[in-house]
Structures are given as structure tokens and as C-alpha cells.
Amino acid sequence: MLLILVALIYCIPTAGACLQCDRTTRNMHEDFILSAPTVEDQMKLQDICDHAHVTYMNTSQDREGVIDPTTFYRAKTEYQSEFDRFLKTKPTGSLTFRTIQIMEKGRKILEKHLDAFIPDGLCPNKCGLLSRRVMDCVSCKYKIYICPSLSDQLDCGVYPVQAEEGGQAVLDCFLPWHRLLIGKPEYYYSWAPGEPGNKKRTEKDFKNLVVTHDSSIILNQLHLDEQGTYRCSLQDQNGTVFYRVTFLVTVAALPLQTPQTIVTLPSLDHRDYSTENLFVAVIAMVTALSLAASVGLTVVLGVMMNRQRTVKRLEEE
């Protein structure tokens, strides 16, 4: 029993090698060693485990010796899946040979994921300064890893932006590697008024606009005097600048509109028509009265003639 405990102590080193930093993987190896039928077999598995640890360590150290949480998760889950398949597969061949195979497969899985992560994923910033959180594959503790840019420059470019008077311009200085920065850095926007690019700007030329966690701002209803040199810098609460970019915003004046011809209607004749209108009204009234009198006279004459006929008829009778 003492030999078994010693074997386990040696198989679980105090210094990890990425895969050994995972408690589940360590427990999986422990259970596998204890499952060996004899003490001699357990000691052989211990030797294989120790050697695998050395190869894992060398693989990690050859590739910066660090790993990020995402890559670490992918590597350990793939290895655990392979190890679980190994345990469930019907044994063929010696236990020692099969153990060497599964440990070597673990090294290849670790190598594959580190090779995918280290070249482009560890320091993806082509400019600026990246301060990120990674796991040390030796101490199995997280630490801060600093990634200066290849050019060692914080300024990440100058971009022209064209806009029209009364229109809008969107300024966005986000890059995907900003998500990896530790802490909660903010975007500081400032601007220097005046025609952009006509002279070199100094710090005193810039006026603060806004400090925000959003990477973009929108300039609405632009005026001609709002064109100028706009700058976005990403920095933390201590003033450490990780990234800076410049926008040269030009506002074009709207074209002058051709004046529209106003059509003027001819003025009305303002002569006095009151006398003429009164004369027409009088004539109309006289005519109407004459017609009425004629009709009345006709009716009266008709009545009188009827009476005369009636009287004459009575006399003859």
C-alpha cells in the first residue's frame, strides 16, 4: 500500500504541464493507476505517467509555456474524451503498451491546440498593447501576459472619413483583441477642430468629447465647423493607453440651390363697378315688375270678359 501511495505522489507533480493543471485529468490518472491488478503494474503505470509528464512539460515550454482558458478547455475535454474511450475499449495487447499510447495521444492533443493558439491567438494585436490573462503551464496559476505590438507602437492608423453637411459620421475604433484586455478599459474620444491633415496636432490641440465603454460614437447633424481630427484611445483607469487611432473627418458643404422663379399672377382691375352694378339691378327690377303687371292685367281682363259673357247670356234668356 505504501508503494502505491508513493507512486501516486510521483504521478501528480507539484508543477503542471497544461493538461495536468486540470483536477479532473489528475483524478482520471489516479483512478486508472489504482485499477491495475498488481503493485508491479501500478509502478509501471507510474513510470509511464512520469515520462508523459516530462513530454507534456517539454511540449508546453517549447510553446511559450502558457495557455488561455479557451484553449485549455478544448485540450482537456478532447483528451478526457479520448481517455474515456480508451477505458471503455476492450483491451488488446499489454496494459503497458496501451497506456503509453493514450499518454502519447494526450501529448499530441496538447501540441495540436497549442500550435493553433500560440502563433496567432496568444498575441493577436498587430499594433497597440495587449495585457491579458493566461495560465502558466508550470505553476498551474493564472498570470498577466503582456503582448507588445511588433512595431511597439500604440498608434494603430489614420483613417479618413467623409461626410456631408447635415449628415452623420460613425467613428468606431474596436478591434477583436480588445475583448482580451484585463480590467475594464474605456474608449476616450477627443478632437482637434480645423481642416484635418493640414498640420501636425499636439496634445493641447485636442478637446475631450466623451468617455464610454462603447467603441463607437455617432456624429449627427454635422456642421462645417465640426470637421477636424478625431482621436480614439483605449485606456484603463490608471491612464495606461493600450490602443489609439485617428480619424480625419471632412464635412463637405451642401451645393447651393438654384433660386426658383416665382410666377406672379396679373393683378385684378380695381375700377369701381358700384354704379354700373346698381343700374343693372334697377333694370332687372323694372323688368320683373313689368312682367308681373302684364300678367296681373291679363288676369283682370279675362275675369271681366267672363262676367260680360255671363250677363249677356242671362239677358237673352
Protein backbone atom coordinates (compact mmCIF):
# COMPACT_ATOMS: atom_id res chain seq x y z
CA MET A 1 0.00 0.00 0.00
CA LEU A 2 2.87 2.36 0.78
CA LEU A 3 4.35 1.78 -2.66
CA ILE A 4 1.01 2.64 -4.26
CA LEU A 5 0.85 5.93 -2.38
CA VAL A 6 4.41 6.76 -3.39
CA ALA A 7 3.53 6.06 -7.00
CA LEU A 8 0.59 8.42 -6.83
CA ILE A 9 2.69 11.15 -5.26
CA TYR A 10 5.19 10.99 -8.11
CA CYS A 11 2.50 10.83 -10.77
CA ILE A 12 0.87 14.06 -9.54
CA PRO A 13 3.67 16.63 -9.73
CA THR A 14 3.52 19.95 -7.99
CA ALA A 15 4.37 21.60 -11.33
CA GLY A 16 1.83 21.05 -14.06
CA ALA A 17 2.06 20.92 -17.82
CA CYS A 18 -1.23 22.34 -19.01
CA LEU A 19 -3.17 19.05 -19.06
CA GLN A 20 -2.05 18.17 -15.53
CA CYS A 21 -3.36 21.53 -14.35
CA ASP A 22 -6.86 20.13 -14.63
CA ARG A 23 -8.06 18.35 -11.48
CA THR A 24 -10.38 16.08 -13.47
CA THR A 25 -7.45 14.85 -15.56
CA ARG A 26 -5.36 14.20 -12.46
CA ASN A 27 -8.16 12.25 -10.81
CA MET A 28 -8.65 10.29 -14.01
CA HIS A 29 -4.99 9.24 -13.98
CA GLU A 30 -5.16 8.33 -10.29
CA ASP A 31 -8.15 6.05 -10.79
CA PHE A 32 -6.51 4.43 -13.78
CA ILE A 33 -3.30 3.60 -11.84
CA LEU A 34 -5.25 2.19 -8.90
CA SER A 35 -7.17 -0.05 -11.27
CA ALA A 36 -4.01 -2.01 -12.16
CA PRO A 37 -4.23 -5.57 -10.79
CA THR A 38 -0.84 -5.70 -9.06
CA VAL A 39 1.56 -3.36 -7.33
CA GLU A 40 4.13 -4.07 -10.03
CA ASP A 41 1.68 -2.95 -12.71
CA GLN A 42 0.88 0.17 -10.74
CA MET A 43 4.57 1.06 -10.54
CA LYS A 44 4.93 0.58 -14.28
CA LEU A 45 2.00 2.91 -14.85
CA GLN A 46 3.68 5.38 -12.53
CA ASP A 47 6.82 5.37 -14.69
CA ILE A 48 4.73 5.91 -17.82
CA CYS A 49 2.86 8.76 -16.12
CA ASP A 50 6.10 10.41 -15.03
CA HIS A 51 7.53 10.19 -18.53
CA ALA A 52 4.29 11.55 -20.03
CA HIS A 53 4.52 14.48 -17.66
CA VAL A 54 8.02 15.26 -18.92
CA THR A 55 6.90 15.17 -22.54
CA TYR A 56 3.89 17.35 -21.74
CA MET A 57 6.18 19.78 -19.97
CA ASN A 58 8.58 19.97 -22.91
CA THR A 59 5.69 20.43 -25.34
CA SER A 60 4.36 23.34 -23.25
CA GLN A 61 7.75 25.00 -22.71
CA ASP A 62 8.57 24.84 -26.42
CA ARG A 63 5.42 26.92 -26.99
CA GLU A 64 5.73 29.80 -24.50
CA GLY A 65 4.60 27.67 -21.54
CA VAL A 66 1.20 29.36 -21.29
CA ILE A 67 -2.34 28.64 -22.42
CA ASP A 68 -5.55 30.65 -22.44
CA PRO A 69 -8.77 29.40 -20.77
CA THR A 70 -10.49 28.59 -24.08
CA THR A 71 -7.62 26.53 -25.49
CA PHE A 72 -7.12 24.84 -22.12
CA TYR A 73 -10.78 23.80 -22.06
CA ARG A 74 -10.65 22.43 -25.62
CA ALA A 75 -7.48 20.44 -24.99
CA LYS A 76 -8.60 18.87 -21.71
CA THR A 77 -12.09 17.95 -22.92
CA GLU A 78 -10.71 16.30 -26.05
CA TYR A 79 -8.12 14.36 -24.04
CA GLN A 80 -10.66 13.28 -21.43
CA SER A 81 -12.96 12.09 -24.21
CA GLU A 82 -10.13 10.03 -25.72
CA PHE A 83 -9.16 8.62 -22.32
CA ASP A 84 -12.75 7.65 -21.59
CA ARG A 85 -12.93 5.85 -24.95
CA PHE A 86 -9.65 4.12 -24.10
CA LEU A 87 -11.08 2.83 -20.81
CA LYS A 88 -14.24 1.52 -22.47
CA THR A 89 -12.48 -0.22 -25.32
CA LYS A 90 -11.86 -3.96 -24.93
CA PRO A 91 -8.16 -4.40 -24.05
CA THR A 92 -5.91 -5.74 -26.78
CA GLY A 93 -2.22 -6.13 -26.09
CA SER A 94 -0.31 -5.34 -22.94
CA LEU A 95 -1.52 -2.75 -20.42
CA THR A 96 1.85 -1.01 -20.55
CA PHE A 97 1.75 -0.53 -24.32
CA ARG A 98 -1.84 0.72 -24.30
CA THR A 99 -1.02 3.20 -21.52
CA ILE A 100 1.93 4.57 -23.48
CA GLN A 101 -0.36 5.04 -26.48
CA ILE A 102 -3.04 7.01 -24.60
CA MET A 103 -0.45 9.21 -22.87
CA GLU A 104 1.19 9.95 -26.20
CA LYS A 105 -2.20 10.81 -27.65
CA GLY A 106 -2.62 13.31 -24.85
CA ARG A 107 0.69 14.94 -25.80
CA LYS A 108 -0.38 15.20 -29.44
CA ILE A 109 -3.72 16.74 -28.44
CA LEU A 110 -1.91 19.32 -26.30
CA GLU A 111 0.56 20.02 -29.09
CA LYS A 112 -2.23 20.47 -31.64
CA HIS A 113 -4.12 23.01 -29.56
CA LEU A 114 -1.02 24.95 -28.52
CA ASP A 115 0.14 25.14 -32.14
CA ALA A 116 -3.24 26.60 -33.07
CA PHE A 117 -3.20 29.08 -30.19
CA ILE A 118 0.34 30.39 -29.78
CA PRO A 119 1.18 31.83 -33.27
CA ASP A 120 -1.94 33.96 -33.73
CA GLY A 121 -4.10 33.59 -30.63
CA LEU A 122 -1.68 34.46 -27.84
CA CYS A 123 -0.82 37.96 -29.11
CA PRO A 124 -3.32 38.84 -31.85
CA ASN A 125 -2.61 42.58 -31.62
CA LYS A 126 -0.72 43.80 -34.67
CA CYS A 127 -0.45 47.19 -33.01
CA GLY A 128 -1.14 48.59 -29.56
CA LEU A 129 -0.52 46.92 -26.21
CA LEU A 130 -2.36 43.79 -25.04
CA SER A 131 -2.39 42.81 -21.37
CA ARG A 132 -4.26 39.52 -20.98
CA ARG A 133 -4.88 36.65 -18.56
CA VAL A 134 -3.31 33.23 -19.28
CA MET A 135 -2.45 30.07 -17.34
CA ASP A 136 1.18 29.24 -16.61
CA CYS A 137 1.57 25.58 -17.55
CA VAL A 138 4.33 25.11 -14.95
CA SER A 139 2.77 26.70 -11.86
CA CYS A 140 -0.84 25.98 -12.96
CA LYS A 141 -1.70 29.53 -11.88
CA TYR A 142 -3.14 32.35 -13.90
CA LYS A 143 -0.93 35.33 -14.59
CA ILE A 144 -0.81 38.51 -16.66
CA TYR A 145 0.86 38.16 -20.05
CA ILE A 146 1.98 41.33 -21.86
CA CYS A 147 1.86 41.43 -25.65
CA PRO A 148 3.56 44.49 -27.14
CA SER A 149 2.93 45.00 -30.83
CA LEU A 150 5.55 44.05 -33.39
CA SER A 151 6.16 47.71 -34.15
CA ASP A 152 5.94 48.66 -30.46
CA GLN A 153 3.54 51.44 -31.45
CA LEU A 154 0.34 52.43 -29.67
CA ASP A 155 -0.95 54.33 -32.72
CA CYS A 156 -2.86 51.95 -34.94
CA GLY A 157 -3.57 54.03 -38.01
CA VAL A 158 -5.16 57.12 -39.51
CA TYR A 159 -8.47 56.80 -41.34
CA PRO A 160 -10.20 59.44 -43.50
CA VAL A 161 -13.95 59.89 -43.00
CA GLN A 162 -16.10 61.79 -45.50
CA ALA A 163 -19.46 63.30 -44.52
CA GLU A 164 -21.90 65.88 -45.83
CA GLU A 165 -23.17 68.96 -44.06
CA GLY A 166 -26.26 67.99 -42.08
CA GLY A 167 -25.41 64.29 -42.33
CA GLN A 168 -23.75 61.92 -39.89
CA ALA A 169 -20.46 60.09 -39.40
CA VAL A 170 -19.82 56.89 -37.42
CA LEU A 171 -16.44 56.52 -35.72
CA ASP A 172 -15.59 53.03 -34.45
CA CYS A 173 -12.18 52.02 -33.12
CA PHE A 174 -12.98 48.46 -31.97
CA LEU A 175 -10.69 45.52 -32.72
CA PRO A 176 -11.46 41.92 -31.64
CA TRP A 177 -8.42 41.64 -29.37
CA HIS A 178 -9.84 44.43 -27.17
CA ARG A 179 -12.07 41.76 -25.58
CA LEU A 180 -8.99 40.04 -24.17
CA LEU A 181 -7.80 43.02 -22.16
CA ILE A 182 -7.97 42.60 -18.41
CA GLY A 183 -9.90 45.08 -16.31
CA LYS A 184 -12.48 47.40 -17.80
CA PRO A 185 -10.71 49.81 -20.14
CA GLU A 186 -12.76 52.59 -21.73
CA TYR A 187 -12.70 54.43 -25.03
CA TYR A 188 -11.66 58.08 -24.79
CA TYR A 189 -12.76 60.26 -27.72
CA SER A 190 -11.28 63.71 -28.34
CA TRP A 191 -10.99 66.06 -31.29
CA ALA A 192 -8.99 68.95 -32.67
CA PRO A 193 -11.10 71.36 -34.78
CA GLY A 194 -9.94 72.65 -38.10
CA GLU A 195 -9.27 71.23 -41.53
CA PRO A 196 -7.90 67.73 -40.95
CA GLY A 197 -4.42 66.89 -42.11
CA ASN A 198 -3.28 70.43 -42.73
CA LYS A 199 -0.89 70.44 -39.78
CA LYS A 200 0.51 68.19 -37.09
CA ARG A 201 -1.60 68.15 -33.93
CA THR A 202 -0.27 68.25 -30.38
CA GLU A 203 -1.96 67.13 -27.17
CA LYS A 204 -3.05 70.65 -26.28
CA ASP A 205 -4.97 70.88 -29.58
CA PHE A 206 -7.37 68.12 -28.56
CA LYS A 207 -10.59 68.65 -26.61
CA ASN A 208 -12.28 65.81 -24.72
CA LEU A 209 -15.57 64.63 -26.20
CA VAL A 210 -16.73 61.50 -24.37
CA VAL A 211 -15.53 58.53 -22.31
CA THR A 212 -17.51 55.35 -22.94
CA HIS A 213 -17.40 51.55 -22.84
CA ASP A 214 -18.86 51.58 -26.36
CA SER A 215 -16.23 51.57 -29.07
CA SER A 216 -18.20 53.79 -31.47
CA ILE A 217 -19.76 57.22 -31.48
CA ILE A 218 -22.14 58.83 -33.98
CA LEU A 219 -21.78 62.46 -35.06
CA ASN A 220 -25.22 63.70 -36.11
CA GLN A 221 -26.32 66.84 -37.94
CA LEU A 222 -22.75 67.74 -38.83
CA HIS A 223 -21.80 71.37 -39.35
CA LEU A 224 -18.87 72.59 -41.37
CA ASP A 225 -17.06 73.74 -38.23
CA GLU A 226 -17.26 70.19 -36.78
CA GLN A 227 -14.77 68.74 -39.21
CA GLY A 228 -11.35 68.07 -37.79
CA THR A 229 -9.03 65.45 -36.35
CA TYR A 230 -10.83 62.97 -34.09
CA ARG A 231 -8.89 60.56 -31.90
CA CYS A 232 -9.94 57.41 -30.04
CA SER A 233 -7.73 55.88 -27.36
CA LEU A 234 -8.41 52.79 -25.27
CA GLN A 235 -7.07 53.10 -21.73
CA ASP A 236 -7.67 51.91 -18.19
CA GLN A 237 -8.43 53.86 -15.02
CA ASN A 238 -4.71 54.31 -14.35
CA GLY A 239 -4.19 56.09 -17.65
CA THR A 240 -2.38 53.21 -19.38
CA VAL A 241 -3.04 53.52 -23.12
CA PHE A 242 -3.45 50.22 -24.96
CA TYR A 243 -4.53 51.46 -28.35
CA ARG A 244 -5.02 54.69 -30.29
CA VAL A 245 -6.45 55.52 -33.71
CA THR A 246 -7.10 58.79 -35.57
CA PHE A 247 -9.98 59.78 -37.84
CA LEU A 248 -9.69 62.68 -40.28
CA VAL A 249 -13.29 63.87 -40.59
CA THR A 250 -14.07 66.12 -43.55
CA VAL A 251 -17.51 67.74 -43.83
CA ALA A 252 -18.49 68.76 -47.38
CA ALA A 253 -20.79 71.75 -47.80
CA LEU A 254 -24.10 71.16 -49.49
CA PRO A 255 -24.28 72.54 -53.06
CA LEU A 256 -26.01 75.90 -53.49
CA GLN A 257 -29.57 75.51 -54.71
CA THR A 258 -30.73 77.46 -57.83
CA PRO A 259 -33.40 80.03 -56.81
CA GLN A 260 -36.82 79.03 -58.09
CA THR A 261 -38.68 81.52 -60.33
CA ILE A 262 -41.81 82.83 -58.63
CA VAL A 263 -44.75 83.15 -61.00
CA THR A 264 -46.71 86.37 -60.36
CA LEU A 265 -50.36 86.43 -61.34
CA PRO A 266 -51.65 89.63 -63.06
CA SER A 267 -53.33 91.99 -60.66
CA LEU A 268 -57.08 92.45 -60.73
CA ASP A 269 -58.69 95.58 -62.24
CA HIS A 270 -59.67 97.70 -59.27
CA ARG A 271 -62.12 100.02 -61.15
CA ASP A 272 -65.31 101.00 -59.32
CA TYR A 273 -68.17 98.90 -60.58
CA SER A 274 -70.74 100.07 -57.96
CA THR A 275 -72.79 102.50 -60.24
CA GLU A 276 -72.88 100.06 -63.14
CA ASN A 277 -73.98 97.25 -60.89
CA LEU A 278 -76.75 99.44 -59.40
CA PHE A 279 -78.05 100.36 -62.87
CA VAL A 280 -78.21 96.72 -63.90
CA ALA A 281 -80.10 95.88 -60.73
CA VAL A 282 -82.67 98.63 -61.33
CA ILE A 283 -83.31 97.50 -64.91
CA ALA A 284 -83.76 93.94 -63.72
CA MET A 285 -86.25 95.05 -61.07
CA VAL A 286 -88.28 97.19 -63.54
CA THR A 287 -88.41 94.33 -66.00
CA ALA A 288 -89.63 91.97 -63.30
CA LEU A 289 -92.35 94.42 -62.19
CA SER A 290 -93.47 94.96 -65.80
CA LEU A 291 -93.84 91.26 -66.34
CA ALA A 292 -95.79 90.93 -63.11
CA ALA A 293 -98.11 93.84 -64.06
CA SER A 294 -98.72 92.35 -67.51
CA VAL A 295 -99.66 89.03 -66.02
CA GLY A 296 -101.97 90.73 -63.50
CA LEU A 297 -103.66 92.86 -66.19
CA THR A 298 -104.22 89.80 -68.35
CA VAL A 299 -105.88 88.00 -65.50
CA VAL A 300 -108.15 91.00 -64.68
CA LEU A 301 -109.21 91.43 -68.31
CA GLY A 302 -110.01 87.73 -68.51
CA VAL A 303 -112.24 87.91 -65.46
CA MET A 304 -114.10 90.98 -66.77
CA MET A 305 -114.77 89.34 -70.12
CA ASN A 306 -116.13 86.26 -68.44
CA ARG A 307 -118.54 88.40 -66.40
CA GLN A 308 -119.78 90.21 -69.53
CA ARG A 309 -120.50 86.92 -71.27
CA THR A 310 -122.39 85.69 -68.26
CA VAL A 311 -124.59 88.88 -68.06
CA LYS A 312 -125.39 88.77 -71.80
CA ARG A 313 -126.42 85.14 -71.55
CA LEU A 314 -128.79 85.89 -68.68
CA GLU A 315 -130.48 88.78 -70.59
CA GLU A 316 -131.11 86.62 -73.60
CA GLU A 317 -132.83 84.04 -71.51
